[in-house]
Amino acid sequence: MEINRLETIYSLNIDILNETTQAVANFRKQNIYCGTKIFQELIQKIQSLLSILLNEDFFSNINQEYILSILNDLMNTQENEDNVLLADLLELQFTPFLLDLQNMIREGE
């Protein structure tokens, strides 16, 4: 995989990590409007990231079922308007996945 592609994925992943942290902080402060707005933007970036990842051989060892399970949980939780659980899922399940992805990119360069 070319370096520019990895840099693009890495940068997008950093943006997603930052927005995840912002969404969690807003949900924890009960700033639901802001947290929800950030989460909606986050979902769009996640879709972009996944469309890139799933088309790259470099990331073929990523457990796609695990990712889909996390995303399904996030979407169901948002639909149920359980913002405390949404913050927990973002922080305790989704963030570790993103950090693992960052490490995978660093090790692969």
Protein backbone atom coordinates (compact mmCIF):
# COMPACT_ATOMS: atom_id res chain seq x y z
CA MET A 1 0.00 0.00 0.00
CA GLU A 2 1.33 3.42 -0.85
CA ILE A 3 2.43 5.75 1.93
CA ASN A 4 -0.05 8.50 0.99
CA ARG A 5 -2.93 6.04 1.44
CA LEU A 6 -1.68 5.06 4.90
CA GLU A 7 -1.25 8.72 5.83
CA THR A 8 -4.83 9.44 4.73
CA ILE A 9 -6.17 6.55 6.80
CA TYR A 10 -4.01 7.56 9.77
CA SER A 11 -5.20 11.20 9.62
CA LEU A 12 -8.84 10.21 9.27
CA ASN A 13 -8.45 7.85 12.22
CA ILE A 14 -6.97 10.66 14.34
CA ASP A 15 -9.94 12.88 13.44
CA ILE A 16 -12.33 10.09 14.45
CA LEU A 17 -10.47 9.57 17.73
CA ASN A 18 -10.67 13.30 18.52
CA GLU A 19 -14.36 13.51 17.68
CA THR A 20 -15.05 10.36 19.70
CA THR A 21 -13.42 12.00 22.71
CA GLN A 22 -15.49 15.16 22.17
CA ALA A 23 -18.72 13.21 21.82
CA VAL A 24 -18.03 11.23 24.99
CA ALA A 25 -17.21 14.42 26.94
CA ASN A 26 -20.43 16.08 25.78
CA PHE A 27 -22.60 13.06 26.59
CA ARG A 28 -20.99 12.82 30.05
CA LYS A 29 -21.79 16.51 30.67
CA GLN A 30 -25.37 15.84 29.52
CA ASN A 31 -24.86 18.17 26.58
CA ILE A 32 -26.99 15.86 24.44
CA TYR A 33 -27.48 18.20 21.48
CA CYS A 34 -23.76 18.79 20.97
CA GLY A 35 -22.86 15.15 21.65
CA THR A 36 -25.46 13.94 19.15
CA LYS A 37 -24.31 16.40 16.50
CA ILE A 38 -20.69 15.27 16.90
CA PHE A 39 -21.78 11.63 16.86
CA GLN A 40 -23.65 12.12 13.57
CA GLU A 41 -20.56 13.66 11.99
CA LEU A 42 -18.52 10.84 13.47
CA ILE A 43 -20.71 8.21 11.80
CA GLN A 44 -20.05 9.75 8.39
CA LYS A 45 -16.29 9.68 8.97
CA ILE A 46 -16.48 6.10 10.24
CA GLN A 47 -18.28 5.09 7.04
CA SER A 48 -15.52 6.72 4.99
CA LEU A 49 -12.83 4.99 7.03
CA LEU A 50 -14.49 1.59 6.76
CA SER A 51 -14.98 1.89 3.02
CA ILE A 52 -11.22 2.45 2.70
CA LEU A 53 -10.21 -0.25 5.18
CA LEU A 54 -12.40 -2.97 3.77
CA ASN A 55 -10.91 -2.43 0.31
CA GLU A 56 -7.26 -2.65 1.38
CA ASP A 57 -5.35 -5.92 1.65
CA PHE A 58 -3.18 -4.36 4.35
CA PHE A 59 -6.14 -4.48 6.74
CA SER A 60 -7.42 -7.93 5.81
CA ASN A 61 -6.75 -9.26 9.33
CA ILE A 62 -9.23 -6.83 10.92
CA ASN A 63 -12.17 -8.67 12.42
CA GLN A 64 -15.01 -7.26 10.35
CA GLU A 65 -17.68 -8.94 12.48
CA TYR A 66 -16.30 -7.22 15.57
CA ILE A 67 -16.39 -3.80 13.88
CA LEU A 68 -19.92 -4.35 12.63
CA SER A 69 -20.98 -5.50 16.09
CA ILE A 70 -19.59 -2.32 17.67
CA LEU A 71 -21.24 -0.11 15.04
CA ASN A 72 -24.53 -1.94 15.41
CA ASP A 73 -24.40 -1.46 19.19
CA LEU A 74 -23.62 2.24 18.73
CA MET A 75 -26.48 2.78 16.32
CA ASN A 76 -28.99 0.85 18.45
CA THR A 77 -27.93 2.77 21.54
CA GLN A 78 -28.32 6.10 19.77
CA GLU A 79 -31.72 5.04 18.45
CA ASN A 80 -32.78 4.18 22.01
CA GLU A 81 -31.43 7.58 23.14
CA ASP A 82 -29.32 6.00 25.86
CA ASN A 83 -26.57 8.60 25.83
CA VAL A 84 -24.78 7.29 28.91
CA LEU A 85 -24.41 3.85 27.31
CA LEU A 86 -23.45 5.47 24.01
CA ALA A 87 -20.61 7.34 25.74
CA ASP A 88 -19.52 4.09 27.42
CA LEU A 89 -19.51 2.16 24.13
CA LEU A 90 -17.58 4.89 22.37
CA GLU A 91 -15.02 5.05 25.14
CA LEU A 92 -14.69 1.38 26.10
CA GLN A 93 -15.19 -0.45 22.80
CA PHE A 94 -14.77 1.88 19.87
CA THR A 95 -11.76 3.90 21.07
CA PRO A 96 -9.63 0.77 21.75
CA PHE A 97 -10.39 -0.43 18.21
CA LEU A 98 -9.24 2.92 16.80
CA LEU A 99 -6.07 2.86 18.88
CA ASP A 100 -5.31 -0.68 17.68
CA LEU A 101 -5.81 0.53 14.14
CA GLN A 102 -3.36 3.39 14.69
CA ASN A 103 -0.79 0.92 16.03
CA MET A 104 -1.33 -1.37 13.05
CA ILE A 105 -0.65 1.53 10.68
CA ARG A 106 2.46 2.60 12.60
CA GLU A 107 3.85 -0.94 12.58
CA GLY A 108 3.07 -1.39 8.89
CA GLU A 109 4.84 1.71 7.65
